[in-house]
N, C-alpha and C. Protein backbone atom coordinates (compact mmCIF):
# COMPACT_ATOMS: atom_id res chain seq x y z
N MET A 1 -21.59 -20.36 -57.83
CA MET A 1 -21.62 -19.08 -56.88
C MET A 1 -20.25 -18.64 -56.96
N SER A 2 -20.10 -17.29 -57.12
CA SER A 2 -18.61 -17.26 -57.10
C SER A 2 -18.27 -16.79 -55.85
N ALA A 3 -16.97 -16.51 -55.38
CA ALA A 3 -16.43 -16.15 -54.10
C ALA A 3 -16.93 -14.53 -54.04
N PHE A 4 -17.09 -13.86 -55.27
CA PHE A 4 -17.26 -12.11 -55.14
C PHE A 4 -19.01 -12.43 -54.34
N THR A 5 -19.81 -13.33 -55.08
CA THR A 5 -21.12 -13.07 -54.73
C THR A 5 -21.11 -13.63 -53.28
N VAL A 6 -20.57 -14.76 -52.69
CA VAL A 6 -20.51 -15.13 -51.33
C VAL A 6 -20.15 -14.03 -50.73
N ARG A 7 -19.46 -13.52 -50.74
CA ARG A 7 -18.73 -12.42 -49.58
C ARG A 7 -19.82 -11.12 -49.58
N ARG A 8 -20.43 -10.93 -50.60
CA ARG A 8 -21.71 -9.95 -50.92
C ARG A 8 -22.72 -10.71 -49.79
N CYS A 9 -22.94 -11.88 -50.10
CA CYS A 9 -23.98 -12.30 -49.22
C CYS A 9 -23.84 -12.32 -47.67
N GLN A 10 -22.64 -12.68 -47.36
CA GLN A 10 -22.10 -12.61 -46.13
C GLN A 10 -22.38 -10.97 -45.56
N ILE A 11 -21.63 -10.51 -46.11
CA ILE A 11 -21.82 -8.55 -45.62
C ILE A 11 -23.65 -8.48 -45.54
N LEU A 12 -24.29 -8.78 -46.43
CA LEU A 12 -25.78 -8.42 -46.11
C LEU A 12 -26.15 -9.30 -45.09
N LEU A 13 -26.00 -10.62 -44.98
CA LEU A 13 -26.48 -11.11 -43.89
C LEU A 13 -26.14 -10.66 -42.36
N ALA A 14 -24.62 -10.30 -42.43
CA ALA A 14 -24.32 -9.71 -41.14
C ALA A 14 -25.06 -8.51 -40.98
N SER A 15 -24.92 -7.55 -41.92
CA SER A 15 -26.01 -6.32 -41.85
C SER A 15 -27.48 -6.70 -41.20
N ALA A 16 -28.08 -7.57 -41.76
CA ALA A 16 -29.41 -7.85 -41.47
C ALA A 16 -29.49 -8.49 -40.12
N GLU A 17 -28.54 -9.10 -39.48
CA GLU A 17 -28.41 -9.33 -38.26
C GLU A 17 -27.95 -8.36 -37.16
N GLY A 18 -28.12 -6.95 -37.78
CA GLY A 18 -27.78 -5.85 -36.91
C GLY A 18 -26.40 -5.45 -36.49
N GLN A 19 -25.37 -6.14 -37.28
CA GLN A 19 -23.67 -5.79 -37.11
C GLN A 19 -23.57 -4.57 -37.81
N VAL A 20 -22.93 -3.88 -36.99
CA VAL A 20 -22.28 -2.70 -37.73
C VAL A 20 -21.25 -2.81 -38.92
N THR A 21 -21.29 -1.41 -39.55
CA THR A 21 -20.17 -1.82 -40.49
C THR A 21 -18.84 -2.08 -40.22
N THR A 22 -18.32 -1.63 -38.87
CA THR A 22 -17.12 -1.89 -38.40
C THR A 22 -16.41 -3.30 -38.05
N THR A 23 -17.89 -4.07 -37.37
CA THR A 23 -17.80 -5.21 -37.18
C THR A 23 -17.79 -6.01 -38.08
N ILE A 24 -18.90 -5.89 -39.32
CA ILE A 24 -18.69 -6.78 -40.42
C ILE A 24 -17.47 -6.53 -41.22
N ALA A 25 -16.89 -5.27 -41.61
CA ALA A 25 -15.55 -5.19 -42.29
C ALA A 25 -14.12 -5.98 -41.51
N HIS A 26 -14.26 -5.99 -40.10
CA HIS A 26 -13.50 -6.59 -39.53
C HIS A 26 -13.31 -8.07 -39.40
N ASN A 27 -14.84 -8.70 -39.31
CA ASN A 27 -14.96 -10.19 -39.41
C ASN A 27 -14.37 -10.68 -40.94
N LEU A 28 -14.87 -9.88 -41.47
CA LEU A 28 -14.74 -10.55 -42.85
C LEU A 28 -13.57 -10.12 -43.97
N ARG A 29 -12.54 -9.11 -42.89
CA ARG A 29 -11.31 -8.77 -43.40
C ARG A 29 -11.32 -8.13 -44.57
N CYS A 30 -12.41 -7.15 -44.71
CA CYS A 30 -12.46 -6.02 -45.80
C CYS A 30 -12.68 -4.84 -45.23
N THR A 31 -12.80 -3.79 -46.13
CA THR A 31 -12.52 -2.17 -45.67
C THR A 31 -14.32 -2.11 -45.12
N GLU A 32 -13.98 -0.88 -44.45
CA GLU A 32 -15.29 -0.23 -43.99
C GLU A 32 -16.17 -0.15 -45.52
N GLN A 33 -15.56 0.63 -46.43
CA GLN A 33 -16.12 1.20 -47.44
C GLN A 33 -16.86 0.17 -48.50
N THR A 34 -16.07 -1.11 -48.51
CA THR A 34 -16.50 -2.12 -48.82
C THR A 34 -17.79 -2.64 -48.69
N VAL A 35 -18.20 -2.92 -47.31
CA VAL A 35 -19.35 -2.95 -46.57
C VAL A 35 -20.22 -1.96 -46.89
N ARG A 36 -20.03 -0.71 -47.01
CA ARG A 36 -21.05 0.57 -47.45
C ARG A 36 -21.73 0.08 -48.64
N ASN A 37 -20.31 -0.28 -49.60
CA ASN A 37 -20.67 0.09 -51.17
C ASN A 37 -21.74 -1.52 -51.34
N VAL A 38 -21.51 -2.45 -50.92
CA VAL A 38 -22.21 -3.52 -50.72
C VAL A 38 -23.60 -3.24 -50.37
N ILE A 39 -23.86 -2.67 -49.20
CA ILE A 39 -25.24 -2.59 -48.83
C ILE A 39 -25.85 -1.47 -49.55
N HIS A 40 -25.21 -0.53 -49.75
CA HIS A 40 -25.85 0.48 -50.79
C HIS A 40 -26.70 0.06 -51.97
N ALA A 41 -25.31 -0.74 -52.69
CA ALA A 41 -26.08 -1.40 -54.08
C ALA A 41 -26.88 -2.06 -53.37
N PHE A 42 -27.10 -3.03 -53.09
CA PHE A 42 -28.15 -4.05 -52.46
C PHE A 42 -29.12 -3.10 -52.52
N HIS A 43 -29.45 -2.06 -51.80
CA HIS A 43 -30.86 -1.33 -51.81
C HIS A 43 -30.96 -0.80 -52.88
N GLN A 44 -29.90 -0.51 -54.02
CA GLN A 44 -30.52 0.02 -55.18
C GLN A 44 -30.72 -1.00 -56.29
N GLU A 45 -30.19 -2.37 -56.09
CA GLU A 45 -30.26 -2.98 -57.15
C GLU A 45 -31.12 -4.92 -57.06
N SER A 46 -31.11 -4.75 -55.08
CA SER A 46 -31.77 -5.98 -54.49
C SER A 46 -31.05 -7.24 -55.24
N ARG A 47 -32.17 -7.96 -55.77
CA ARG A 47 -31.76 -9.24 -55.91
C ARG A 47 -30.84 -9.45 -57.56
N GLU A 48 -31.01 -8.44 -58.31
CA GLU A 48 -29.92 -8.52 -59.44
C GLU A 48 -28.33 -8.49 -58.94
N MET A 49 -28.29 -7.99 -57.68
CA MET A 49 -26.55 -7.72 -57.29
C MET A 49 -26.16 -9.11 -56.49
N LEU A 50 -27.06 -9.84 -56.26
CA LEU A 50 -26.77 -10.98 -55.60
C LEU A 50 -26.45 -12.29 -56.67
N GLY A 51 -27.03 -12.09 -57.72
CA GLY A 51 -27.26 -12.83 -58.79
C GLY A 51 -28.04 -13.91 -58.54
N VAL A 52 -29.07 -13.23 -58.21
CA VAL A 52 -30.33 -14.43 -58.01
C VAL A 52 -31.28 -14.23 -59.36
N MET A 53 -31.27 -14.96 -60.18
CA MET A 53 -32.19 -14.61 -61.38
C MET A 53 -33.43 -15.78 -61.19
N PRO A 54 -34.40 -15.08 -62.12
CA PRO A 54 -35.72 -15.96 -62.03
C PRO A 54 -35.49 -17.08 -62.56
N PRO A 55 -36.21 -18.17 -62.13
CA PRO A 55 -35.84 -19.70 -62.71
C PRO A 55 -36.44 -19.44 -64.49
N GLN A 56 -35.92 -20.03 -65.08
CA GLN A 56 -36.15 -20.19 -66.33
C GLN A 56 -36.82 -21.41 -66.81
N ALA A 57 -37.54 -21.34 -67.42
CA ALA A 57 -38.55 -22.63 -67.95
C ALA A 57 -37.61 -24.06 -68.79
N SER A 58 -38.02 -24.67 -68.47
CA SER A 58 -37.29 -25.96 -69.00
C SER A 58 -37.11 -26.24 -70.46
N PRO A 59 -36.19 -26.56 -71.01
CA PRO A 59 -36.44 -26.70 -72.32
C PRO A 59 -36.68 -27.71 -72.81
N GLU A 60 -37.53 -27.53 -74.23
CA GLU A 60 -37.94 -29.02 -74.55
C GLU A 60 -36.98 -30.11 -74.76
N PRO A 61 -37.74 -31.21 -74.33
CA PRO A 61 -36.83 -32.47 -74.21
C PRO A 61 -36.53 -32.64 -75.82
N GLN A 62 -35.00 -33.27 -75.64
CA GLN A 62 -34.71 -33.36 -77.11
C GLN A 62 -35.49 -34.61 -77.66
N TYR A 63 -35.44 -35.38 -76.88
CA TYR A 63 -36.17 -36.79 -77.36
C TYR A 63 -37.27 -37.08 -76.58
N PRO A 64 -38.51 -36.61 -77.13
CA PRO A 64 -39.86 -36.29 -76.54
C PRO A 64 -40.22 -37.88 -75.98
N TYR A 65 -39.91 -38.77 -77.50
CA TYR A 65 -40.73 -40.18 -76.88
C TYR A 65 -40.21 -40.84 -76.11
N LEU A 66 -39.03 -40.25 -75.44
CA LEU A 66 -38.31 -41.21 -73.94
C LEU A 66 -38.94 -40.39 -72.92
N ASP A 67 -39.69 -39.42 -73.24
CA ASP A 67 -40.58 -38.89 -71.79
C ASP A 67 -41.31 -39.40 -71.51
N THR A 68 -41.28 -40.19 -69.92
CA THR A 68 -42.14 -40.75 -69.77
C THR A 68 -43.56 -40.28 -69.05
N ASN A 69 -43.52 -39.03 -69.10
CA ASN A 69 -44.92 -38.30 -68.90
C ASN A 69 -45.63 -38.26 -70.32
N ALA A 70 -45.08 -38.46 -71.52
CA ALA A 70 -45.82 -38.14 -72.81
C ALA A 70 -46.69 -39.05 -72.90
């Protein structure tokens, strides 16, 4: 996970805890506009913005004869 994604998550968590924009910006050492942008983007894009992707199917085993479940 990138530092950029971690920062966005910190902003969203602080917002969910009820902290106001100015407090979040001060605590995370960013601008108030950055906080507003992150919150706005989350409402627009939700999980995609956080980089959370749905789990992908497991690939077929390369050597199925070694698979103990086969």
